Structure formats: C-alpha cells, structure tokens
C-alpha cells in the first residue's frame, strides 16, 4: 500500500513478496499508521520506504530486510518505530507462579518502556518492546532491555533481553 496524506490507518497481516518497486511506501505526510503482523520480502528497491515527513509510523511484528528500509531525512525527517512482541512468565525460585508480581521493562537508557502486573498464573500477557526508532535515516536502538519482577514477598528478579537479536520473545525469564 502507499498513500499521500494517509494517516491513522491500521494495516494487519500484509504479505508483500517480490514487488517490482517497494513493499510498503508512505509519502507526503503519511503519519500515525500502524502496520502489524506482516511480512515484506524480495522487493526490487526497498521493502519499506517513508518519505517527506511521514512520522510516527509503527511497525509491530513486521519482518523485512533491514538493509531495505528507507526513511527520509527531508524537511524535518520521517520516523518509523519498529516493535516486537514480548511476554513473560514470572515464577519464584521454587517454580511457583508469582501472581500479582509487578514486571517492568527498562530500555538501555534506563527509561521505563512499560510496567504490568502479572496475572494469577504469573503471565504478563503480550506486551510490545521497541527495537528502534528510525528518524530521518538514523536508527536509535532501545536494547538491551532489562526486566525486573517484584512483589510483596520477593524483592526482585532480573533478566535482560536483546530485542534486535531475538525479535519476538515469549519467555520464562524471571525465576
């Protein structure tokens, strides 16, 4: 798909293979679009192209060749935010579920990306972690993530996760 002044769209389950030009292209102020659960492969020029101030476009669980990503720096620059799924199961050292544990995801800069309370079986449900933000062709990576889990009886468990290396992660990380 491509568009001029296309904003606030949600596009899911796109399969773009062997396009003669670009897999997905946004141009001329196409902003706040969400592309989810998609795969873009073997495009002739770029798999993903954002040009002319196309900002805050989120690509969640979208696979494509990173070297075929083009984000324009023209004017104030376009921006693409790439995210992946993350889910954790929290248990204590005996292997018992840690219901109601608070699980917090910290980006490499120390800022909190999200914080959730584990459910009755210690699960966090599916969350999103930001791999990077590409502004005007410059990527800023948010990994290595640090995760902590705390509750009223256990003062903390820690784990780390490299989003860029592993992409989607469904983990029994905090034990």
Protein backbone atom coordinates (compact mmCIF):
# COMPACT_ATOMS: atom_id res chain seq x y z
CA UNK A 1 0.00 0.00 0.00
CA UNK A 2 1.07 3.58 -0.48
CA UNK A 3 -0.54 6.86 0.25
CA UNK A 4 -0.44 10.63 0.29
CA UNK A 5 -1.74 12.18 3.49
CA UNK A 6 -2.65 8.68 4.71
CA UNK A 7 -2.85 8.88 8.48
CA UNK A 8 -4.20 6.88 11.38
CA UNK A 9 -4.52 3.64 9.41
CA UNK A 10 -4.22 0.15 10.88
CA UNK A 11 -2.92 -2.42 8.41
CA UNK A 12 -2.64 -6.04 9.58
CA UNK A 13 -1.38 -9.29 8.11
CA UNK A 14 0.17 -7.84 4.96
CA UNK A 15 2.13 -10.29 2.82
CA UNK A 16 4.18 -8.37 0.27
CA UNK A 17 6.50 -10.62 -1.72
CA UNK A 18 8.57 -9.85 -4.82
CA UNK A 19 7.13 -6.40 -5.52
CA UNK A 20 8.61 -4.70 -8.55
CA UNK A 21 9.22 -1.48 -6.58
CA UNK A 22 8.62 -1.12 -2.82
CA UNK A 23 6.80 -3.44 -0.41
CA UNK A 24 5.21 -0.67 1.72
CA UNK A 25 5.61 3.01 0.96
CA UNK A 26 4.30 6.08 2.80
CA UNK A 27 4.90 9.54 1.44
CA UNK A 28 3.80 13.18 1.71
CA UNK A 29 2.93 13.45 5.41
CA UNK A 30 1.57 9.93 5.96
CA UNK A 31 1.61 9.69 9.76
CA UNK A 32 0.45 7.65 12.74
CA UNK A 33 -0.05 4.48 10.74
CA UNK A 34 0.22 1.06 12.41
CA UNK A 35 1.44 -1.93 10.42
CA UNK A 36 1.09 -5.19 12.38
CA UNK A 37 1.84 -8.90 11.94
CA UNK A 38 3.17 -8.57 8.40
CA UNK A 39 5.99 -9.85 6.21
CA UNK A 40 7.69 -7.99 3.37
CA UNK A 41 10.22 -9.86 1.21
CA UNK A 42 12.16 -9.62 -2.03
CA UNK A 43 11.12 -6.12 -3.10
CA UNK A 44 13.08 -4.73 -6.05
CA UNK A 45 14.06 -1.40 -4.45
CA UNK A 46 13.01 -1.11 -0.78
CA UNK A 47 10.90 -3.29 1.48
CA UNK A 48 9.81 -0.22 3.50
CA UNK A 49 10.02 3.41 2.39
CA UNK A 50 8.89 6.53 4.26
CA UNK A 51 9.39 9.88 2.59
CA UNK A 52 8.53 13.58 3.00
CA UNK A 53 7.67 13.98 6.69
CA UNK A 54 5.88 10.68 7.30
CA UNK A 55 6.11 10.49 11.10
CA UNK A 56 5.19 8.16 13.96
CA UNK A 57 4.54 5.10 11.82
CA UNK A 58 4.71 1.94 13.94
CA UNK A 59 5.76 -1.43 12.55
CA UNK A 60 4.83 -4.12 15.12
CA UNK A 61 5.92 -7.69 14.39
CA UNK A 62 6.76 -6.82 10.79
CA UNK A 63 9.58 -8.80 9.20
CA UNK A 64 11.63 -7.35 6.36
CA UNK A 65 15.24 -6.89 5.29
CA UNK A 66 16.65 -4.10 7.46
CA UNK A 67 19.03 -3.02 4.68
CA UNK A 68 15.95 -2.35 2.51
CA UNK A 69 14.44 0.19 4.93
CA UNK A 70 14.48 3.81 3.73
CA UNK A 71 13.36 6.69 5.97
CA UNK A 72 13.62 10.19 4.52
CA UNK A 73 15.55 12.98 6.20
CA UNK A 74 13.91 15.66 4.01
CA UNK A 75 12.49 18.69 5.82
CA UNK A 76 12.04 17.67 9.46
CA UNK A 77 12.55 13.96 8.75
CA UNK A 78 10.27 10.99 8.71
CA UNK A 79 10.08 8.44 11.52
CA UNK A 80 9.49 4.72 11.81
CA UNK A 81 9.16 2.90 15.14
CA UNK A 82 9.85 -0.84 14.98
CA UNK A 83 8.45 -3.04 17.76
CA UNK A 84 8.17 -6.72 18.63
CA UNK A 85 6.02 -8.81 20.95
CA UNK A 86 7.22 -9.82 24.40
CA UNK A 87 5.59 -11.99 27.05
CA UNK A 88 6.99 -13.35 30.31
CA UNK A 89 6.01 -15.93 32.87
CA UNK A 90 7.07 -14.97 36.39
CA UNK A 91 7.85 -17.62 38.98
CA UNK A 92 9.79 -17.83 42.22
CA UNK A 93 12.91 -19.90 42.91
CA UNK A 94 10.72 -22.92 43.78
CA UNK A 95 8.97 -22.67 40.40
CA UNK A 96 5.66 -21.38 41.81
CA UNK A 97 3.65 -18.75 39.95
CA UNK A 98 4.28 -15.20 41.15
CA UNK A 99 0.76 -13.84 40.81
CA UNK A 100 0.48 -10.06 41.10
CA UNK A 101 4.21 -9.51 40.58
CA UNK A 102 5.00 -6.15 39.05
CA UNK A 103 7.06 -6.63 35.85
CA UNK A 104 8.88 -3.59 34.48
CA UNK A 105 10.76 -3.28 31.17
CA UNK A 106 13.67 -0.82 31.16
CA UNK A 107 15.27 0.35 27.91
CA UNK A 108 19.06 0.58 27.68
CA UNK A 109 18.87 4.31 28.51
CA UNK A 110 17.22 3.42 31.84
CA UNK A 111 13.78 4.74 30.93
CA UNK A 112 10.74 2.56 31.58
CA UNK A 113 9.08 1.25 28.42
CA UNK A 114 6.18 -0.37 30.29
CA UNK A 115 5.17 -1.88 33.62
CA UNK A 116 2.43 -4.51 34.16
CA UNK A 117 1.10 -6.72 36.92
CA UNK A 118 1.39 -10.46 36.30
CA UNK A 119 -1.88 -12.39 36.27
CA UNK A 120 -2.82 -15.26 38.59
CA UNK A 121 -0.58 -17.70 36.70
CA UNK A 122 2.42 -15.33 36.61
CA UNK A 123 1.89 -14.29 32.98
CA UNK A 124 2.36 -10.76 31.73
CA UNK A 125 0.24 -11.19 28.62
CA UNK A 126 1.66 -10.00 25.34
CA UNK A 127 3.44 -6.64 25.58
CA UNK A 128 5.32 -4.61 22.97
CA UNK A 129 9.01 -3.73 23.18
CA UNK A 130 10.58 -1.09 20.96
CA UNK A 131 13.52 -2.33 18.93
CA UNK A 132 14.47 1.05 17.46
CA UNK A 133 13.23 4.36 16.15
CA UNK A 134 14.46 5.48 12.73
CA UNK A 135 14.26 9.27 12.40
CA UNK A 136 15.40 10.64 9.08
CA UNK A 137 17.54 7.59 8.35
CA UNK A 138 19.25 7.41 11.76
CA UNK A 139 18.32 4.44 13.95
CA UNK A 140 18.30 4.70 17.74
CA UNK A 141 18.18 1.24 19.33
CA UNK A 142 16.49 0.68 22.70
CA UNK A 143 18.05 -2.73 23.55
CA UNK A 144 19.48 -4.21 25.72
CA UNK A 145 16.28 -4.31 27.80
CA UNK A 146 16.37 -5.11 31.50
CA UNK A 147 13.31 -6.67 33.13
CA UNK A 148 12.55 -6.72 36.83
CA UNK A 149 9.81 -8.51 38.72
CA UNK A 150 8.86 -7.65 42.28
CA UNK A 151 6.03 -8.45 44.64
CA UNK A 152 5.33 -8.07 48.37
CA UNK A 153 7.19 -11.25 49.37
CA UNK A 154 10.02 -11.38 46.85
CA UNK A 155 12.03 -8.24 46.35
CA UNK A 156 13.17 -8.81 42.85
CA UNK A 157 14.21 -10.95 39.94
CA UNK A 158 16.08 -9.66 36.92
CA UNK A 159 16.64 -10.67 33.31
CA UNK A 160 17.83 -8.98 30.13
CA UNK A 161 16.77 -9.27 26.51
CA UNK A 162 18.24 -8.05 23.22
CA UNK A 163 15.21 -7.17 21.08
CA UNK A 164 17.26 -6.70 17.92
CA UNK A 165 18.84 -10.15 18.11
CA UNK A 166 15.75 -12.17 19.06
CA UNK A 167 12.74 -10.16 17.84
CA UNK A 168 9.56 -11.74 19.29
CA UNK A 169 10.14 -13.31 22.67
CA UNK A 170 7.84 -15.47 24.76
CA UNK A 171 9.86 -16.17 27.84
CA UNK A 172 10.08 -17.82 31.20
CA UNK A 173 12.65 -15.21 32.03
CA UNK A 174 12.16 -14.37 35.65
CA UNK A 175 12.87 -17.26 38.00
